[in-house]
C-alpha atoms as a PDB file:
ATOM      1  CA  UNK A   1      12.273  -0.542   4.517  1.00  0.00           C
ATOM      2  CA  UNK A   2      11.493  -3.030   1.723  1.00  0.00           C
ATOM      3  CA  UNK A   3       7.971  -1.662   1.371  1.00  0.00           C
ATOM      4  CA  UNK A   4       9.250   1.909   1.112  1.00  0.00           C
ATOM      5  CA  UNK A   5      11.781   0.885  -1.520  1.00  0.00           C
ATOM      6  CA  UNK A   6       9.122  -1.006  -3.503  1.00  0.00           C
ATOM      7  CA  UNK A   7       6.761   1.963  -3.390  1.00  0.00           C
ATOM      8  CA  UNK A   8       9.550   4.294  -4.479  1.00  0.00           C
ATOM      9  CA  UNK A   9      10.402   2.001  -7.408  1.00  0.00           C
ATOM     10  CA  UNK A  10       6.758   1.757  -8.482  1.00  0.00           C
ATOM     11  CA  UNK A  11       6.416   5.514  -8.170  1.00  0.00           C
ATOM     12  CA  UNK A  12       9.440   5.979 -10.437  1.00  0.00           C
ATOM     13  CA  UNK A  13       8.051   3.474 -12.948  1.00  0.00           C
ATOM     14  CA  UNK A  14       4.763   5.415 -13.007  1.00  0.00           C
ATOM     15  CA  UNK A  15       6.600   8.688 -13.636  1.00  0.00           C
ATOM     16  CA  UNK A  16       8.679   7.188 -16.457  1.00  0.00           C
ATOM     17  CA  UNK A  17       5.629   5.653 -18.134  1.00  0.00           C
ATOM     18  CA  UNK A  18       3.599   8.850 -17.839  1.00  0.00           C
ATOM     19  CA  UNK A  19       6.315  10.831 -19.580  1.00  0.00           C
ATOM     20  CA  UNK A  20       7.587   8.447 -22.232  1.00  0.00           C
ATOM     21  CA  UNK A  21       4.837   6.474 -23.967  1.00  0.00           C
ATOM     22  CA  UNK A  22       2.689   9.257 -25.428  1.00  0.00           C
ATOM     23  CA  UNK A  23       4.870   9.677 -28.504  1.00  0.00           C
ATOM     24  CA  UNK A  24       4.330   6.044 -29.513  1.00  0.00           C
ATOM     25  CA  UNK A  25       2.160   5.557 -32.591  1.00  0.00           C
ATOM     26  CA  UNK A  26       1.753   1.830 -31.893  1.00  0.00           C
ATOM     27  CA  UNK A  27      -1.739   1.193 -30.540  1.00  0.00           C
ATOM     28  CA  UNK A  28      -0.599  -1.950 -28.694  1.00  0.00           C
ATOM     29  CA  UNK A  29       2.047   0.057 -26.833  1.00  0.00           C
ATOM     30  CA  UNK A  30      -0.516   2.711 -25.896  1.00  0.00           C
ATOM     31  CA  UNK A  31      -3.033   0.124 -24.682  1.00  0.00           C
ATOM     32  CA  UNK A  32      -0.401  -1.866 -22.765  1.00  0.00           C
ATOM     33  CA  UNK A  33       0.819   1.318 -21.120  1.00  0.00           C
ATOM     34  CA  UNK A  34      -2.719   2.242 -20.099  1.00  0.00           C
ATOM     35  CA  UNK A  35      -3.173  -1.151 -18.464  1.00  0.00           C
ATOM     36  CA  UNK A  36       0.153  -0.828 -16.635  1.00  0.00           C
ATOM     37  CA  UNK A  37      -0.642   2.711 -15.478  1.00  0.00           C
ATOM     38  CA  UNK A  38      -3.993   1.426 -14.201  1.00  0.00           C
ATOM     39  CA  UNK A  39      -2.213  -1.177 -12.078  1.00  0.00           C
ATOM     40  CA  UNK A  40       0.360   1.345 -10.855  1.00  0.00           C
ATOM     41  CA  UNK A  41      -2.369   3.864  -9.977  1.00  0.00           C
ATOM     42  CA  UNK A  42      -3.502   1.544  -7.199  1.00  0.00           C
ATOM     43  CA  UNK A  43      -0.089   1.330  -5.525  1.00  0.00           C
ATOM     44  CA  UNK A  44       1.609   4.706  -5.952  1.00  0.00           C
ATOM     45  CA  UNK A  45       1.309   7.372  -3.236  1.00  0.00           C
ATOM     46  CA  UNK A  46      -2.067   9.116  -3.229  1.00  0.00           C
ATOM     47  CA  UNK A  47      -0.533  12.567  -3.737  1.00  0.00           C
ATOM     48  CA  UNK A  48       1.348  11.376  -6.825  1.00  0.00           C
ATOM     49  CA  UNK A  49      -1.830   9.819  -8.203  1.00  0.00           C
ATOM     50  CA  UNK A  50      -3.841  12.999  -7.608  1.00  0.00           C
ATOM     51  CA  UNK A  51      -1.142  15.099  -9.272  1.00  0.00           C
ATOM     52  CA  UNK A  52      -1.355  12.956 -12.417  1.00  0.00           C
ATOM     53  CA  UNK A  53      -5.024  11.917 -12.312  1.00  0.00           C
ATOM     54  CA  UNK A  54      -6.339  14.631 -14.631  1.00  0.00           C
ATOM     55  CA  UNK A  55      -3.707  13.954 -17.297  1.00  0.00           C
ATOM     56  CA  UNK A  56      -4.172  10.194 -17.063  1.00  0.00           C
ATOM     57  CA  UNK A  57      -7.954  10.521 -17.160  1.00  0.00           C
ATOM     58  CA  UNK A  58      -7.713  12.684 -20.267  1.00  0.00           C
ATOM     59  CA  UNK A  59      -5.416  10.150 -21.955  1.00  0.00           C
ATOM     60  CA  UNK A  60      -7.612   7.191 -21.035  1.00  0.00           C
ATOM     61  CA  UNK A  61     -10.840   8.878 -22.077  1.00  0.00           C
ATOM     62  CA  UNK A  62      -9.191   9.947 -25.337  1.00  0.00           C
ATOM     63  CA  UNK A  63      -8.021   6.412 -26.074  1.00  0.00           C
ATOM     64  CA  UNK A  64     -11.436   4.973 -25.157  1.00  0.00           C
ATOM     65  CA  UNK A  65     -13.201   7.583 -27.320  1.00  0.00           C
ATOM     66  CA  UNK A  66     -10.890   6.866 -30.255  1.00  0.00           C
ATOM     67  CA  UNK A  67     -11.534   3.157 -29.859  1.00  0.00           C
ATOM     68  CA  UNK A  68     -15.277   3.810 -29.758  1.00  0.00           C
ATOM     69  CA  UNK A  69     -15.172   5.990 -32.873  1.00  0.00           C
ATOM     70  CA  UNK A  70     -13.070   3.594 -34.952  1.00  0.00           C
ATOM     71  CA  UNK A  71     -14.752   0.327 -34.056  1.00  0.00           C
ATOM     72  CA  UNK A  72     -18.240  -0.670 -32.937  1.00  0.00           C
ATOM     73  CA  UNK A  73     -16.697  -3.762 -31.362  1.00  0.00           C
ATOM     74  CA  UNK A  74     -15.646  -4.036 -27.779  1.00  0.00           C
ATOM     75  CA  UNK A  75     -12.319  -2.369 -26.978  1.00  0.00           C
ATOM     76  CA  UNK A  76      -9.305  -4.511 -26.118  1.00  0.00           C
ATOM     77  CA  UNK A  77      -9.573  -6.181 -22.738  1.00  0.00           C
ATOM     78  CA  UNK A  78      -6.266  -4.657 -21.574  1.00  0.00           C
ATOM     79  CA  UNK A  79      -7.554  -1.125 -22.230  1.00  0.00           C
ATOM     80  CA  UNK A  80     -10.734  -1.832 -20.286  1.00  0.00           C
ATOM     81  CA  UNK A  81      -8.768  -3.400 -17.419  1.00  0.00           C
ATOM     82  CA  UNK A  82      -6.550  -0.297 -17.266  1.00  0.00           C
ATOM     83  CA  UNK A  83      -9.623   1.925 -17.261  1.00  0.00           C
ATOM     84  CA  UNK A  84     -11.287  -0.126 -14.537  1.00  0.00           C
ATOM     85  CA  UNK A  85      -8.194  -0.012 -12.306  1.00  0.00           C
ATOM     86  CA  UNK A  86      -7.864   3.724 -12.898  1.00  0.00           C
ATOM     87  CA  UNK A  87     -11.555   4.262 -12.017  1.00  0.00           C
ATOM     88  CA  UNK A  88     -11.014   2.344  -8.780  1.00  0.00           C
ATOM     89  CA  UNK A  89      -7.970   4.506  -8.009  1.00  0.00           C
ATOM     90  CA  UNK A  90     -10.003   7.667  -8.631  1.00  0.00           C
ATOM     91  CA  UNK A  91     -12.754   6.493  -6.339  1.00  0.00           C
ATOM     92  CA  UNK A  92     -10.241   5.565  -3.635  1.00  0.00           C
ATOM     93  CA  UNK A  93      -8.439   8.922  -3.905  1.00  0.00           C
ATOM     94  CA  UNK A  94     -11.142  11.450  -4.831  1.00  0.00           C
ATOM     95  CA  UNK A  95     -14.348  10.386  -6.615  1.00  0.00           C
ATOM     96  CA  UNK A  96     -15.070  14.002  -7.586  1.00  0.00           C
ATOM     97  CA  UNK A  97     -12.424  13.648 -10.322  1.00  0.00           C
ATOM     98  CA  UNK A  98     -14.909  11.563 -12.304  1.00  0.00           C
ATOM     99  CA  UNK A  99     -17.636  14.196 -12.064  1.00  0.00           C
ATOM    100  CA  UNK A 100     -15.572  16.892 -13.790  1.00  0.00           C
ATOM    101  CA  UNK A 101     -16.339  17.862 -17.393  1.00  0.00           C
ATOM    102  CA  UNK A 102     -19.135  15.327 -17.775  1.00  0.00           C
ATOM    103  CA  UNK A 103     -16.606  12.459 -17.615  1.00  0.00           C
ATOM    104  CA  UNK A 104     -18.886  10.060 -15.745  1.00  0.00           C
ATOM    105  CA  UNK A 105     -21.747  10.551 -18.216  1.00  0.00           C
ATOM    106  CA  UNK A 106     -19.481  10.158 -21.238  1.00  0.00           C
ATOM    107  CA  UNK A 107     -17.861   6.994 -19.893  1.00  0.00           C
ATOM    108  CA  UNK A 108     -21.191   5.506 -18.861  1.00  0.00           C
ATOM    109  CA  UNK A 109     -22.727   6.208 -22.254  1.00  0.00           C
ATOM    110  CA  UNK A 110     -19.759   4.729 -24.138  1.00  0.00           C
ATOM    111  CA  UNK A 111     -19.618   1.622 -21.956  1.00  0.00           C
ATOM    112  CA  UNK A 112     -23.369   1.150 -22.281  1.00  0.00           C
ATOM    113  CA  UNK A 113     -23.200   1.270 -26.077  1.00  0.00           C
ATOM    114  CA  UNK A 114     -20.384  -1.304 -26.062  1.00  0.00           C
ATOM    115  CA  UNK A 115     -22.338  -3.592 -23.758  1.00  0.00           C
ATOM    116  CA  UNK A 116     -25.552  -3.345 -25.750  1.00  0.00           C
ATOM    117  CA  UNK A 117     -23.737  -3.507 -29.089  1.00  0.00           C
ATOM    118  CA  UNK A 118     -21.911  -6.685 -28.161  1.00  0.00           C
ATOM    119  CA  UNK A 119     -25.161  -8.287 -27.011  1.00  0.00           C
ATOM    120  CA  UNK A 120     -25.576 -11.614 -25.231  1.00  0.00           C
ATOM    121  CA  UNK A 121     -27.047 -13.426 -28.234  1.00  0.00           C
ATOM    122  CA  UNK A 122     -23.725 -13.428 -30.028  1.00  0.00           C
ATOM    123  CA  UNK A 123     -22.216 -15.287 -27.086  1.00  0.00           C
ATOM    124  CA  UNK A 124     -24.980 -17.838 -26.989  1.00  0.00           C
ATOM    125  CA  UNK A 125     -24.467 -18.528 -30.676  1.00  0.00           C
ATOM    126  CA  UNK A 126     -20.751 -19.121 -30.119  1.00  0.00           C
ATOM    127  CA  UNK A 127     -19.617 -16.518 -32.634  1.00  0.00           C
ATOM    128  CA  UNK A 128     -17.423 -14.519 -30.250  1.00  0.00           C
ATOM    129  CA  UNK A 129     -13.869 -15.073 -29.103  1.00  0.00           C
ATOM    130  CA  UNK A 130     -12.621 -15.431 -25.556  1.00  0.00           C
ATOM    131  CA  UNK A 131     -10.972 -12.007 -25.898  1.00  0.00           C
ATOM    132  CA  UNK A 132     -14.355 -10.401 -26.575  1.00  0.00           C
ATOM    133  CA  UNK A 133     -15.892 -12.159 -23.576  1.00  0.00           C
ATOM    134  CA  UNK A 134     -13.050 -10.939 -21.354  1.00  0.00           C
ATOM    135  CA  UNK A 135     -13.402  -7.442 -22.753  1.00  0.00           C
ATOM    136  CA  UNK A 136     -17.122  -7.402 -22.053  1.00  0.00           C
ATOM    137  CA  UNK A 137     -16.447  -8.653 -18.521  1.00  0.00           C
ATOM    138  CA  UNK A 138     -14.066  -5.713 -17.982  1.00  0.00           C
ATOM    139  CA  UNK A 139     -16.661  -3.250 -19.310  1.00  0.00           C
ATOM    140  CA  UNK A 140     -19.211  -4.673 -16.879  1.00  0.00           C
ATOM    141  CA  UNK A 141     -16.609  -4.507 -14.117  1.00  0.00           C
ATOM    142  CA  UNK A 142     -16.186  -0.783 -14.875  1.00  0.00           C
ATOM    143  CA  UNK A 143     -19.942  -0.368 -14.384  1.00  0.00           C
ATOM    144  CA  UNK A 144     -19.680  -2.247 -11.096  1.00  0.00           C
ATOM    145  CA  UNK A 145     -16.818  -0.060  -9.843  1.00  0.00           C
ATOM    146  CA  UNK A 146     -18.671   3.121 -10.786  1.00  0.00           C
ATOM    147  CA  UNK A 147     -21.987   1.933  -9.346  1.00  0.00           C
ATOM    148  CA  UNK A 148     -20.424   1.343  -5.927  1.00  0.00           C
ATOM    149  CA  UNK A 149     -19.863   5.092  -5.558  1.00  0.00           C
ATOM    150  CA  UNK A 150     -22.222   6.667  -8.074  1.00  0.00           C
ATOM    151  CA  UNK A 151     -25.346   4.552  -7.530  1.00  0.00           C
ATOM    152  CA  UNK A 152     -27.794   7.362  -8.174  1.00  0.00           C
ATOM    153  CA  UNK A 153     -26.093   8.551 -11.376  1.00  0.00           C
ATOM    154  CA  UNK A 154     -25.661   5.056 -12.851  1.00  0.00           C
ATOM    155  CA  UNK A 155     -29.188   3.981 -11.948  1.00  0.00           C
ATOM    156  CA  UNK A 156     -30.629   7.204 -13.360  1.00  0.00           C
ATOM    157  CA  UNK A 157     -28.688   6.661 -16.600  1.00  0.00           C
ATOM    158  CA  UNK A 158     -29.841   3.039 -16.930  1.00  0.00           C
ATOM    159  CA  UNK A 159     -33.458   3.885 -16.097  1.00  0.00           C
ATOM    160  CA  UNK A 160     -33.348   6.640 -18.719  1.00  0.00           C
ATOM    161  CA  UNK A 161     -32.142   4.116 -21.294  1.00  0.00           C
ATOM    162  CA  UNK A 162     -34.860   1.665 -20.264  1.00  0.00           C
ATOM    163  CA  UNK A 163     -37.554   4.338 -20.436  1.00  0.00           C
ATOM    164  CA  UNK A 164     -36.305   5.492 -23.855  1.00  0.00           C
ATOM    165  CA  UNK A 165     -36.364   1.929 -25.129  1.00  0.00           C
ATOM    166  CA  UNK A 166     -39.895   1.393 -23.851  1.00  0.00           C
ATOM    167  CA  UNK A 167     -41.119   4.670 -25.366  1.00  0.00           C
ATOM    168  CA  UNK A 168     -39.618   3.766 -28.744  1.00  0.00           C
ATOM    169  CA  UNK A 169     -41.462   0.444 -28.742  1.00  0.00           C
ATOM    170  CA  UNK A 170     -44.766   2.104 -27.793  1.00  0.00           C
ATOM    171  CA  UNK A 171     -44.392   4.831 -30.482  1.00  0.00           C
END
């Protein structure tokens, strides 16, 4: 009984968040909501998640793309955590969601550019904050979550990047 009531409450919270935050112009509110929706995606009923997955994916990808376009730096850790939790929910419910409309390739490419752009040398030199380290850890965690299910696609993408890098150096 308690578990049913908890799930019902979380389901209601998910519904309220999905319908009420989009009008906010405050980036912190949008990012915080994305993180919360990522957490809730793991615990709401599967049918409710699947009903909202496309809309939530579109919102997350839009926010990630906007972040990528406006700043070469790593995105906020909370946004990446929300994305990672959402990706895990997609994989648990129906991994095919991530293959629609080139979503997997776009996410992989964006996350790769963030990872390469942030580079390990900056960390060794001590010029990066703890927030940036946590953000990079979440980006790498997204890769890990995706690679568990999409090994072939992720490996093919990374090998393509490696081959391109090698060819550029030889040319």
